[in-house]
Amino acid sequence: MKKKKKEKTKLTKKQIIILVIITIILGIICYFASTEITKSIIDHKTMEEKMKNEDFSDLREVDTIDNISLDNLLNNYNDISNQDIDIELIEDNKIIIDNIEIEFVIKDNNVSIVSINFNKKNNTVKSIISDMIMANNGDIDEDTTKLVYNKVFETLGNTSDEKSKTSEFFQYKGLEFSLKEYQDNDYKYSFRIGRIIEE
């Protein structure tokens, strides 16, 4: 007994159009998805290579810088920052902006250290640190401040004790940078910008 051959159902014109549209849409989605994934992988690899090949030796250059008064430092800062610091609002050499404490250590009427004290990393902290570094030395650009910011966090714990962890110390163009993390303090982190003055 012969088996009946299954009849192939022909697709209607409408069904063919719908299939073509679905195929095109899926193709576009796949193209953009694969492009984004590829771009992300390439960007990640490029950044890894850049960090591997980056020469950090210049961040350890020993150099000196001229003295600067608090008034002049704040003028420099206010020229480049979106958030001005009014010298009249500074009490006991400290001012608080958005829960971030900026402390100035004054020696012989000049700024010797600026400490930015904060509890968590955010864009405001990063911006204040970057602007304060450039205010201390106008020859330092924003790319360098980002590099310094990242390196102090990467090396946090370079030395440690029961009460705190400290990053590696970096010296560049007359400034010294370091970061301290406290176990029990009003502020968890303290980013220090020290001025290296020739004695």
N, C-alpha and C. Protein backbone atom coordinates (compact mmCIF):
# COMPACT_ATOMS: atom_id res chain seq x y z
N MET A 1 0.85 -1.18 0.00
CA MET A 1 0.00 0.00 0.00
C MET A 1 0.90 1.25 0.00
N LYS A 2 0.66 2.10 -0.94
CA LYS A 2 1.50 3.28 -1.08
C LYS A 2 1.13 4.33 -0.06
N LYS A 3 2.21 4.93 0.56
CA LYS A 3 1.96 6.02 1.49
C LYS A 3 1.72 7.29 0.69
N LYS A 4 0.78 8.05 1.19
CA LYS A 4 0.48 9.32 0.52
C LYS A 4 1.60 10.31 0.82
N LYS A 5 2.06 10.95 -0.23
CA LYS A 5 3.08 11.98 -0.04
C LYS A 5 2.43 13.18 0.60
N LYS A 6 3.17 13.73 1.61
CA LYS A 6 2.65 14.93 2.26
C LYS A 6 2.70 16.09 1.27
N GLU A 7 1.62 16.75 1.17
CA GLU A 7 1.57 17.90 0.27
C GLU A 7 2.29 19.08 0.92
N LYS A 8 3.19 19.68 0.13
CA LYS A 8 3.89 20.87 0.61
C LYS A 8 2.96 22.06 0.48
N THR A 9 2.79 22.72 1.63
CA THR A 9 1.92 23.90 1.59
C THR A 9 2.72 25.09 1.11
N LYS A 10 2.24 25.73 0.11
CA LYS A 10 2.92 26.90 -0.43
C LYS A 10 2.62 28.11 0.44
N LEU A 11 3.65 28.91 0.62
CA LEU A 11 3.47 30.14 1.39
C LEU A 11 2.76 31.18 0.54
N THR A 12 1.89 31.86 1.18
CA THR A 12 1.20 32.94 0.47
C THR A 12 2.14 34.12 0.32
N LYS A 13 1.77 35.03 -0.55
CA LYS A 13 2.58 36.23 -0.80
C LYS A 13 2.74 37.03 0.50
N LYS A 14 1.65 37.11 1.27
CA LYS A 14 1.66 37.85 2.53
C LYS A 14 2.64 37.24 3.52
N GLN A 15 2.63 35.90 3.62
CA GLN A 15 3.54 35.20 4.54
C GLN A 15 5.01 35.38 4.14
N ILE A 16 5.25 35.36 2.82
CA ILE A 16 6.62 35.56 2.32
C ILE A 16 7.13 36.95 2.69
N ILE A 17 6.26 37.95 2.52
CA ILE A 17 6.63 39.34 2.86
C ILE A 17 6.95 39.45 4.35
N ILE A 18 6.07 38.82 5.20
CA ILE A 18 6.29 38.86 6.65
C ILE A 18 7.62 38.19 7.02
N LEU A 19 7.92 37.03 6.40
CA LEU A 19 9.18 36.33 6.67
C LEU A 19 10.39 37.16 6.25
N VAL A 20 10.28 37.82 5.11
CA VAL A 20 11.38 38.66 4.63
C VAL A 20 11.63 39.82 5.60
N ILE A 21 10.53 40.47 6.06
CA ILE A 21 10.65 41.58 7.01
C ILE A 21 11.28 41.11 8.32
N ILE A 22 10.81 39.97 8.85
CA ILE A 22 11.36 39.41 10.09
C ILE A 22 12.85 39.09 9.92
N THR A 23 13.20 38.51 8.77
CA THR A 23 14.60 38.16 8.51
C THR A 23 15.47 39.42 8.48
N ILE A 24 14.96 40.48 7.83
CA ILE A 24 15.71 41.74 7.75
C ILE A 24 15.90 42.33 9.15
N ILE A 25 14.81 42.36 9.94
CA ILE A 25 14.88 42.93 11.30
C ILE A 25 15.87 42.15 12.15
N LEU A 26 15.78 40.80 12.10
CA LEU A 26 16.71 39.96 12.87
C LEU A 26 18.15 40.18 12.42
N GLY A 27 18.34 40.34 11.12
CA GLY A 27 19.68 40.59 10.59
C GLY A 27 20.26 41.90 11.11
N ILE A 28 19.40 42.95 11.14
CA ILE A 28 19.85 44.26 11.64
C ILE A 28 20.21 44.17 13.12
N ILE A 29 19.33 43.50 13.90
CA ILE A 29 19.59 43.34 15.34
C ILE A 29 20.90 42.60 15.58
N CYS A 30 21.09 41.50 14.84
CA CYS A 30 22.33 40.71 14.99
C CYS A 30 23.56 41.53 14.62
N TYR A 31 23.43 42.35 13.54
CA TYR A 31 24.55 43.17 13.10
C TYR A 31 24.96 44.15 14.20
N PHE A 32 23.96 44.90 14.74
CA PHE A 32 24.28 45.90 15.76
C PHE A 32 24.78 45.26 17.06
N ALA A 33 24.17 44.12 17.42
CA ALA A 33 24.60 43.42 18.64
C ALA A 33 26.05 42.95 18.50
N SER A 34 26.38 42.35 17.35
CA SER A 34 27.75 41.86 17.15
C SER A 34 28.74 43.02 17.08
N THR A 35 28.31 44.14 16.47
CA THR A 35 29.19 45.32 16.39
C THR A 35 29.51 45.85 17.78
N GLU A 36 28.47 45.97 18.63
CA GLU A 36 28.67 46.48 19.99
C GLU A 36 29.56 45.55 20.82
N ILE A 37 29.32 44.25 20.69
CA ILE A 37 30.11 43.26 21.44
C ILE A 37 31.58 43.34 21.00
N THR A 38 31.79 43.39 19.67
CA THR A 38 33.15 43.48 19.13
C THR A 38 33.84 44.75 19.60
N LYS A 39 33.11 45.89 19.53
CA LYS A 39 33.66 47.18 19.95
C LYS A 39 34.06 47.13 21.43
N SER A 40 33.17 46.53 22.25
CA SER A 40 33.43 46.43 23.68
C SER A 40 34.69 45.61 23.96
N ILE A 41 34.83 44.49 23.24
CA ILE A 41 36.00 43.62 23.42
C ILE A 41 37.28 44.35 23.00
N ILE A 42 37.21 45.04 21.84
CA ILE A 42 38.38 45.77 21.35
C ILE A 42 38.77 46.88 22.30
N ASP A 43 37.76 47.65 22.79
CA ASP A 43 38.04 48.74 23.74
C ASP A 43 38.69 48.22 25.00
N HIS A 44 38.16 47.08 25.51
CA HIS A 44 38.71 46.49 26.73
C HIS A 44 40.16 46.05 26.52
N LYS A 45 40.40 45.38 25.37
CA LYS A 45 41.76 44.91 25.07
C LYS A 45 42.71 46.09 24.90
N THR A 46 42.22 47.15 24.21
CA THR A 46 43.05 48.34 23.99
C THR A 46 43.43 48.98 25.30
N MET A 47 42.45 49.11 26.22
CA MET A 47 42.71 49.71 27.53
C MET A 47 43.71 48.87 28.33
N GLU A 48 43.53 47.53 28.26
CA GLU A 48 44.47 46.64 28.97
C GLU A 48 45.89 46.83 28.45
N GLU A 49 46.02 46.88 27.10
CA GLU A 49 47.34 47.06 26.49
C GLU A 49 47.94 48.41 26.87
N LYS A 50 47.09 49.45 26.85
CA LYS A 50 47.55 50.79 27.20
C LYS A 50 48.07 50.82 28.63
N MET A 51 47.32 50.19 29.56
CA MET A 51 47.74 50.18 30.96
C MET A 51 49.01 49.36 31.14
N LYS A 52 49.16 48.28 30.34
CA LYS A 52 50.37 47.46 30.44
C LYS A 52 51.59 48.24 29.96
N ASN A 53 51.38 48.99 28.85
CA ASN A 53 52.51 49.69 28.23
C ASN A 53 52.74 51.08 28.79
N GLU A 54 51.83 51.55 29.64
CA GLU A 54 51.94 52.92 30.18
C GLU A 54 53.19 53.03 31.04
N ASP A 55 53.94 54.07 30.81
CA ASP A 55 55.15 54.30 31.58
C ASP A 55 54.84 55.22 32.75
N PHE A 56 54.87 54.66 33.95
CA PHE A 56 54.55 55.44 35.15
C PHE A 56 55.80 56.00 35.81
N SER A 57 56.93 55.84 35.17
CA SER A 57 58.16 56.29 35.80
C SER A 57 58.17 57.80 36.02
N ASP A 58 57.49 58.55 35.10
CA ASP A 58 57.50 60.00 35.26
C ASP A 58 56.67 60.46 36.44
N LEU A 59 55.83 59.56 36.99
CA LEU A 59 55.06 59.90 38.18
C LEU A 59 55.92 59.81 39.44
N ARG A 60 57.16 59.40 39.27
CA ARG A 60 58.06 59.32 40.41
C ARG A 60 59.22 60.31 40.27
N GLU A 61 59.09 61.23 39.30
CA GLU A 61 60.12 62.25 39.14
C GLU A 61 60.22 63.10 40.39
N VAL A 62 61.44 63.31 40.87
CA VAL A 62 61.63 64.18 42.02
C VAL A 62 61.92 65.57 41.49
N ASP A 63 61.02 66.48 41.78
CA ASP A 63 61.14 67.85 41.32
C ASP A 63 60.64 68.75 42.43
N THR A 64 60.95 70.02 42.34
CA THR A 64 60.46 70.96 43.36
C THR A 64 59.55 72.00 42.71
N ILE A 65 58.84 72.72 43.56
CA ILE A 65 57.89 73.72 43.08
C ILE A 65 57.98 74.95 44.00
N ASP A 66 57.63 76.10 43.46
CA ASP A 66 57.66 77.33 44.26
C ASP A 66 56.52 77.33 45.28
N ASN A 67 56.70 78.14 46.32
CA ASN A 67 55.64 78.31 47.32
C ASN A 67 54.41 78.96 46.70
N ILE A 68 53.27 78.72 47.32
CA ILE A 68 52.03 79.36 46.88
C ILE A 68 51.18 79.69 48.11
N SER A 69 50.59 80.86 48.10
CA SER A 69 49.71 81.24 49.22
C SER A 69 48.34 80.60 49.01
N LEU A 70 47.57 80.52 50.09
CA LEU A 70 46.23 79.95 50.00
C LEU A 70 45.36 80.78 49.05
N ASP A 71 45.51 82.09 49.11
CA ASP A 71 44.73 82.97 48.25
C ASP A 71 45.00 82.69 46.77
N ASN A 72 46.28 82.56 46.42
CA ASN A 72 46.65 82.29 45.02
C ASN A 72 46.21 80.89 44.58
N LEU A 73 46.34 79.92 45.49
CA LEU A 73 45.90 78.56 45.16
C LEU A 73 44.41 78.53 44.87
N LEU A 74 43.63 79.22 45.70
CA LEU A 74 42.17 79.24 45.50
C LEU A 74 41.79 80.01 44.23
N ASN A 75 42.54 81.05 43.92
CA ASN A 75 42.30 81.77 42.66
C ASN A 75 42.52 80.84 41.46
N ASN A 76 43.62 80.06 41.53
CA ASN A 76 43.89 79.07 40.47
C ASN A 76 42.76 78.05 40.38
N TYR A 77 42.34 77.56 41.54
CA TYR A 77 41.28 76.55 41.60
C TYR A 77 39.97 77.10 41.02
N ASN A 78 39.61 78.30 41.44
CA ASN A 78 38.34 78.89 40.98
C ASN A 78 38.34 79.20 39.48
N ASP A 79 39.53 79.41 38.92
CA ASP A 79 39.64 79.67 37.48
C ASP A 79 39.31 78.43 36.65
N ILE A 80 39.59 77.25 37.21
CA ILE A 80 39.39 76.02 36.41
C ILE A 80 38.21 75.17 36.88
N SER A 81 37.70 75.46 38.07
CA SER A 81 36.65 74.61 38.65
C SER A 81 35.25 75.20 38.42
N ASN A 82 34.26 74.30 38.35
CA ASN A 82 32.87 74.74 38.25
C ASN A 82 32.32 75.14 39.62
N GLN A 83 33.04 74.75 40.66
CA GLN A 83 32.56 74.98 42.03
C GLN A 83 33.59 75.83 42.79
N ASP A 84 33.32 77.12 42.87
CA ASP A 84 34.27 78.03 43.52
C ASP A 84 34.38 77.80 45.02
N ILE A 85 35.56 78.08 45.54
CA ILE A 85 35.78 78.05 46.99
C ILE A 85 36.00 79.49 47.44
N ASP A 86 35.14 79.94 48.33
CA ASP A 86 35.25 81.30 48.89
C ASP A 86 36.17 81.24 50.10
N ILE A 87 37.27 81.98 50.05
CA ILE A 87 38.25 81.95 51.14
C ILE A 87 37.62 82.39 52.47
N GLU A 88 36.60 83.22 52.40
CA GLU A 88 35.92 83.71 53.61
C GLU A 88 35.18 82.58 54.34
N LEU A 89 34.83 81.51 53.61
CA LEU A 89 34.07 80.41 54.21
C LEU A 89 34.98 79.33 54.82
N ILE A 90 36.28 79.49 54.68
CA ILE A 90 37.22 78.50 55.23
C ILE A 90 37.41 78.77 56.72
N GLU A 91 37.16 77.73 57.53
CA GLU A 91 37.34 77.84 58.99
C GLU A 91 38.35 76.80 59.44
N ASP A 92 39.30 77.22 60.25
CA ASP A 92 40.37 76.33 60.72
C ASP A 92 41.05 75.63 59.55
N ASN A 93 41.24 76.37 58.46
CA ASN A 93 41.88 75.85 57.24
C ASN A 93 41.12 74.69 56.61
N LYS A 94 39.79 74.62 56.84
CA LYS A 94 38.97 73.55 56.28
C LYS A 94 37.70 74.13 55.67
N ILE A 95 37.22 73.46 54.63
CA ILE A 95 35.92 73.80 54.05
C ILE A 95 35.26 72.50 53.59
N ILE A 96 33.94 72.43 53.70
CA ILE A 96 33.21 71.23 53.27
C ILE A 96 32.34 71.57 52.07
N ILE A 97 32.50 70.78 51.00
CA ILE A 97 31.69 70.92 49.78
C ILE A 97 31.07 69.57 49.48
N ASP A 98 29.73 69.51 49.48
CA ASP A 98 29.02 68.25 49.17
C ASP A 98 29.55 67.06 49.98
N ASN A 99 29.68 67.24 51.28
CA ASN A 99 30.17 66.19 52.19
C ASN A 99 31.63 65.79 51.93
N ILE A 100 32.34 66.64 51.22
CA ILE A 100 33.77 66.41 50.96
C ILE A 100 34.53 67.52 51.69
N GLU A 101 35.45 67.11 52.55
CA GLU A 101 36.22 68.10 53.31
C GLU A 101 37.55 68.37 52.60
N ILE A 102 37.82 69.67 52.40
CA ILE A 102 39.11 70.07 51.84
C ILE A 102 39.88 70.77 52.97
N GLU A 103 41.04 70.22 53.28
CA GLU A 103 41.84 70.75 54.39
C GLU A 103 43.18 71.25 53.86
N PHE A 104 43.55 72.46 54.28
CA PHE A 104 44.80 73.08 53.84
C PHE A 104 45.77 73.14 55.01
N VAL A 105 46.96 72.59 54.80
CA VAL A 105 48.02 72.69 55.81
C VAL A 105 48.90 73.86 55.39
N ILE A 106 48.97 74.86 56.27
CA ILE A 106 49.71 76.09 55.96
C ILE A 106 51.03 76.11 56.74
N LYS A 107 52.09 76.43 56.03
CA LYS A 107 53.41 76.55 56.66
C LYS A 107 54.06 77.84 56.18
N ASP A 108 54.42 78.71 57.10
CA ASP A 108 55.02 80.02 56.76
C ASP A 108 54.17 80.78 55.74
N ASN A 109 52.86 80.82 55.98
CA ASN A 109 51.90 81.54 55.14
C ASN A 109 51.73 80.97 53.73
N ASN A 110 52.23 79.76 53.52
CA ASN A 110 52.08 79.10 52.22
C ASN A 110 51.45 77.71 52.41
N VAL A 111 50.79 77.25 51.36
CA VAL A 111 50.16 75.92 51.41
C VAL A 111 51.24 74.87 51.23
N SER A 112 51.30 73.91 52.15
CA SER A 112 52.26 72.82 51.99
C SER A 112 51.56 71.51 51.61
N ILE A 113 50.33 71.32 52.11
CA ILE A 113 49.57 70.10 51.81
C ILE A 113 48.10 70.46 51.64
N VAL A 114 47.44 69.80 50.68
CA VAL A 114 45.99 69.87 50.55
C VAL A 114 45.47 68.44 50.70
N SER A 115 44.56 68.24 51.65
CA SER A 115 43.95 66.92 51.82
C SER A 115 42.48 66.99 51.43
N ILE A 116 42.06 66.08 50.56
CA ILE A 116 40.65 65.98 50.18
C ILE A 116 40.12 64.73 50.88
N ASN A 117 39.22 64.94 51.84
CA ASN A 117 38.71 63.85 52.68
C ASN A 117 37.27 63.52 52.28
N PHE A 118 37.00 62.23 52.07
CA PHE A 118 35.68 61.82 51.57
C PHE A 118 35.37 60.39 51.98
N ASN A 119 34.11 60.00 51.82
CA ASN A 119 33.69 58.67 52.25
C ASN A 119 33.50 57.68 51.11
N LYS A 120 33.24 58.17 49.90
CA LYS A 120 33.13 57.24 48.77
C LYS A 120 33.53 57.93 47.48
N LYS A 121 34.02 57.13 46.54
CA LYS A 121 34.43 57.66 45.24
C LYS A 121 33.19 58.10 44.47
N ASN A 122 33.26 59.27 43.88
CA ASN A 122 32.20 59.71 42.97
C ASN A 122 32.79 60.78 42.05
N ASN A 123 31.98 61.25 41.11
CA ASN A 123 32.47 62.21 40.12
C ASN A 123 32.86 63.55 40.75
N THR A 124 32.14 63.95 41.80
CA THR A 124 32.47 65.23 42.46
C THR A 124 33.84 65.14 43.12
N VAL A 125 34.11 64.03 43.81
CA VAL A 125 35.41 63.82 44.45
C VAL A 125 36.52 63.86 43.38
N LYS A 126 36.30 63.11 42.31
CA LYS A 126 37.29 63.03 41.24
C LYS A 126 37.55 64.41 40.64
N SER A 127 36.49 65.18 40.44
CA SER A 127 36.61 66.52 39.86
C SER A 127 37.37 67.47 40.79
N ILE A 128 37.04 67.43 42.09
CA ILE A 128 37.73 68.30 43.05
C ILE A 128 39.22 67.95 43.11
N ILE A 129 39.53 66.66 43.16
CA ILE A 129 40.94 66.23 43.21
C ILE A 129 41.67 66.69 41.95
N SER A 130 41.06 66.45 40.79
CA SER A 130 41.68 66.84 39.52
C SER A 130 41.94 68.34 39.47
N ASP A 131 40.92 69.13 39.81
CA ASP A 131 41.05 70.59 39.77
C ASP A 131 42.08 71.09 40.78
N MET A 132 42.13 70.44 41.95
CA MET A 132 43.08 70.88 42.98
C MET A 132 44.52 70.55 42.58
N ILE A 133 44.72 69.43 41.90
CA ILE A 133 46.07 69.10 41.41
C ILE A 133 46.51 70.15 40.39
N MET A 134 45.61 70.46 39.44
CA MET A 134 45.96 71.44 38.40
C MET A 134 46.12 72.85 38.98
N ALA A 135 45.37 73.15 40.05
CA ALA A 135 45.51 74.46 40.70
C ALA A 135 46.88 74.58 41.38
N ASN A 136 47.39 73.45 41.89
CA ASN A 136 48.70 73.43 42.53
C ASN A 136 49.83 73.56 41.51
N ASN A 137 49.61 73.05 40.30
CA ASN A 137 50.62 73.16 39.24
C ASN A 137 49.91 73.21 37.89
N GLY A 138 49.89 74.38 37.27
CA GLY A 138 49.20 74.59 36.00
C GLY A 138 49.81 73.83 34.83
N ASP A 139 51.01 73.25 35.02
CA ASP A 139 51.63 72.47 33.94
C ASP A 139 51.11 71.03 33.88
N ILE A 140 50.30 70.65 34.85
CA ILE A 140 49.75 69.29 34.87
C ILE A 140 48.38 69.31 34.20
N ASP A 141 48.17 68.38 33.26
CA ASP A 141 46.89 68.36 32.54
C ASP A 141 45.92 67.35 33.15
N GLU A 142 44.69 67.39 32.63
CA GLU A 142 43.62 66.55 33.19
C GLU A 142 43.88 65.06 33.00
N ASP A 143 44.50 64.68 31.88
CA ASP A 143 44.82 63.26 31.65
C ASP A 143 45.75 62.73 32.74
N THR A 144 46.72 63.56 33.14
CA THR A 144 47.66 63.16 34.20
C THR A 144 46.93 63.03 35.53
N THR A 145 45.99 63.95 35.81
CA THR A 145 45.26 63.87 37.09
C THR A 145 44.43 62.60 37.15
N LYS A 146 43.86 62.18 36.02
CA LYS A 146 43.08 60.93 35.98
C LYS A 146 43.99 59.74 36.26
N LEU A 147 45.17 59.78 35.65
CA LEU A 147 46.15 58.71 35.85
C LEU A 147 46.57 58.61 37.31
N VAL A 148 46.85 59.76 37.92
CA VAL A 148 47.24 59.80 39.34
C VAL A 148 46.11 59.24 40.20
N TYR A 149 44.88 59.71 39.96
CA TYR A 149 43.70 59.27 40.72
C TYR A 149 43.57 57.75 40.66
N ASN A 150 43.69 57.19 39.46
CA ASN A 150 43.55 55.73 39.29
C ASN A 150 44.68 54.97 39.97
N LYS A 151 45.91 55.49 39.86
CA LYS A 151 47.06 54.77 40.41
C LYS A 151 47.06 54.75 41.94
N VAL A 152 46.62 55.85 42.57
CA VAL A 152 46.62 55.83 44.04
C VAL A 152 45.60 54.81 44.55
N PHE A 153 44.47 54.71 43.87
CA PHE A 153 43.48 53.71 44.29
C PHE A 153 43.97 52.29 44.01
N GLU A 154 44.63 52.11 42.87
CA GLU A 154 45.16 50.78 42.52
C GLU A 154 46.21 50.31 43.53
N THR A 155 47.00 51.24 44.06
CA THR A 155 48.09 50.86 44.97
C THR A 155 47.70 51.00 46.44
N LEU A 156 46.41 51.30 46.70
CA LEU A 156 45.96 51.42 48.09
C LEU A 156 46.19 50.10 48.82
N GLY A 157 46.84 50.17 49.96
CA GLY A 157 47.19 48.95 50.69
C GLY A 157 48.66 48.61 50.49
N ASN A 158 49.38 49.48 49.77
CA ASN A 158 50.82 49.30 49.59
C ASN A 158 51.50 49.14 50.95
N THR A 159 51.03 49.95 51.91
CA THR A 159 51.42 49.73 53.32
C THR A 159 50.14 49.79 54.15
N SER A 160 50.10 49.06 55.22
CA SER A 160 48.89 49.05 56.05
C SER A 160 49.21 48.69 57.49
N ASP A 161 48.31 49.10 58.37
CA ASP A 161 48.37 48.69 59.76
C ASP A 161 46.94 48.45 60.23
N GLU A 162 46.74 48.30 61.53
CA GLU A 162 45.41 47.99 62.05
C GLU A 162 44.41 49.13 61.81
N LYS A 163 44.90 50.36 61.72
CA LYS A 163 44.01 51.51 61.62
C LYS A 163 43.82 52.05 60.21
N SER A 164 44.77 51.77 59.32
CA SER A 164 44.66 52.38 57.99
C SER A 164 45.47 51.63 56.93
N LYS A 165 45.16 51.97 55.67
CA LYS A 165 45.93 51.50 54.52
C LYS A 165 46.42 52.74 53.77
N THR A 166 47.61 52.66 53.20
CA THR A 166 48.15 53.79 52.45
C THR A 166 48.57 53.32 51.07
N SER A 167 48.38 54.20 50.08
CA SER A 167 48.78 53.88 48.71
C SER A 167 50.28 54.11 48.54
N GLU A 168 50.75 53.81 47.36
CA GLU A 168 52.12 54.18 46.99
C GLU A 168 52.17 55.70 46.89
N PHE A 169 53.33 56.29 47.11
CA PHE A 169 53.51 57.74 46.97
C PHE A 169 54.02 58.03 45.56
N PHE A 170 53.37 58.97 44.89
CA PHE A 170 53.79 59.36 43.55
C PHE A 170 54.25 60.82 43.58
N GLN A 171 55.38 61.09 42.94
CA GLN A 171 55.90 62.47 42.86
C GLN A 171 55.97 62.88 41.40
N TYR A 172 55.46 64.07 41.12
CA TYR A 172 55.46 64.55 39.74
C TYR A 172 55.38 66.07 39.72
N LYS A 173 56.32 66.69 39.01
CA LYS A 173 56.36 68.14 38.81
C LYS A 173 56.17 68.93 40.11
N GLY A 174 56.92 68.52 41.12
CA GLY A 174 56.93 69.27 42.38
C GLY A 174 55.78 68.95 43.32
N LEU A 175 54.96 67.95 42.98
CA LEU A 175 53.86 67.55 43.84
C LEU A 175 54.01 66.08 44.23
N GLU A 176 53.47 65.75 45.39
CA GLU A 176 53.47 64.36 45.85
C GLU A 176 52.03 63.96 46.13
N PHE A 177 51.64 62.78 45.65
CA PHE A 177 50.26 62.31 45.78
C PHE A 177 50.22 60.99 46.54
N SER A 178 49.24 60.86 47.41
CA SER A 178 49.02 59.58 48.08
C SER A 178 47.56 59.52 48.56
N LEU A 179 47.15 58.32 48.91
CA LEU A 179 45.79 58.10 49.39
C LEU A 179 45.83 57.24 50.64
N LYS A 180 45.01 57.61 51.62
CA LYS A 180 44.94 56.83 52.85
C LYS A 180 43.49 56.40 53.08
N GLU A 181 43.30 55.16 53.49
CA GLU A 181 41.97 54.66 53.85
C GLU A 181 41.99 54.32 55.33
N TYR A 182 41.03 54.87 56.07
CA TYR A 182 40.97 54.68 57.52
C TYR A 182 39.91 53.65 57.89
N GLN A 183 40.21 52.89 58.94
CA GLN A 183 39.24 51.93 59.45
C GLN A 183 38.15 52.63 60.26
N ASP A 184 38.55 53.62 61.03
CA ASP A 184 37.59 54.30 61.91
C ASP A 184 37.94 55.78 61.96
N ASN A 185 37.27 56.55 61.11
CA ASN A 185 37.55 57.98 61.03
C ASN A 185 36.30 58.68 60.52
N ASP A 186 36.24 60.01 60.67
CA ASP A 186 35.09 60.75 60.15
C ASP A 186 34.97 60.58 58.65
N TYR A 187 36.11 60.51 57.98
CA TYR A 187 36.13 60.28 56.53
C TYR A 187 36.93 59.01 56.25
N LYS A 188 36.39 58.18 55.36
CA LYS A 188 37.04 56.91 55.06
C LYS A 188 38.36 57.11 54.30
N TYR A 189 38.35 58.05 53.33
CA TYR A 189 39.52 58.26 52.49
C TYR A 189 40.08 59.67 52.66
N SER A 190 41.39 59.78 52.47
CA SER A 190 42.04 61.09 52.44
C SER A 190 43.06 61.09 51.30
N PHE A 191 42.78 61.92 50.28
CA PHE A 191 43.69 62.07 49.15
C PHE A 191 44.59 63.27 49.44
N ARG A 192 45.90 63.05 49.45
CA ARG A 192 46.85 64.07 49.87
C ARG A 192 47.64 64.59 48.67
N ILE A 193 47.68 65.92 48.54
CA ILE A 193 48.52 66.58 47.54
C ILE A 193 49.55 67.40 48.30
N GLY A 194 50.79 66.95 48.30
CA GLY A 194 51.86 67.66 49.01
C GLY A 194 52.71 68.45 48.04
N ARG A 195 53.14 69.60 48.45
CA ARG A 195 54.01 70.44 47.61
C ARG A 195 55.46 70.23 48.04
N ILE A 196 56.32 69.88 47.08
CA ILE A 196 57.73 69.61 47.37
C ILE A 196 58.50 70.91 47.13
N ILE A 197 58.84 71.57 48.23
CA ILE A 197 59.51 72.88 48.17
C ILE A 197 61.00 72.68 48.42
N GLU A 198 61.81 73.37 47.61
CA GLU A 198 63.26 73.30 47.82
C GLU A 198 63.61 74.06 49.10
N GLU A 199 64.30 73.38 50.01
CA GLU A 199 64.66 73.99 51.30
C GLU A 199 65.86 74.90 51.14
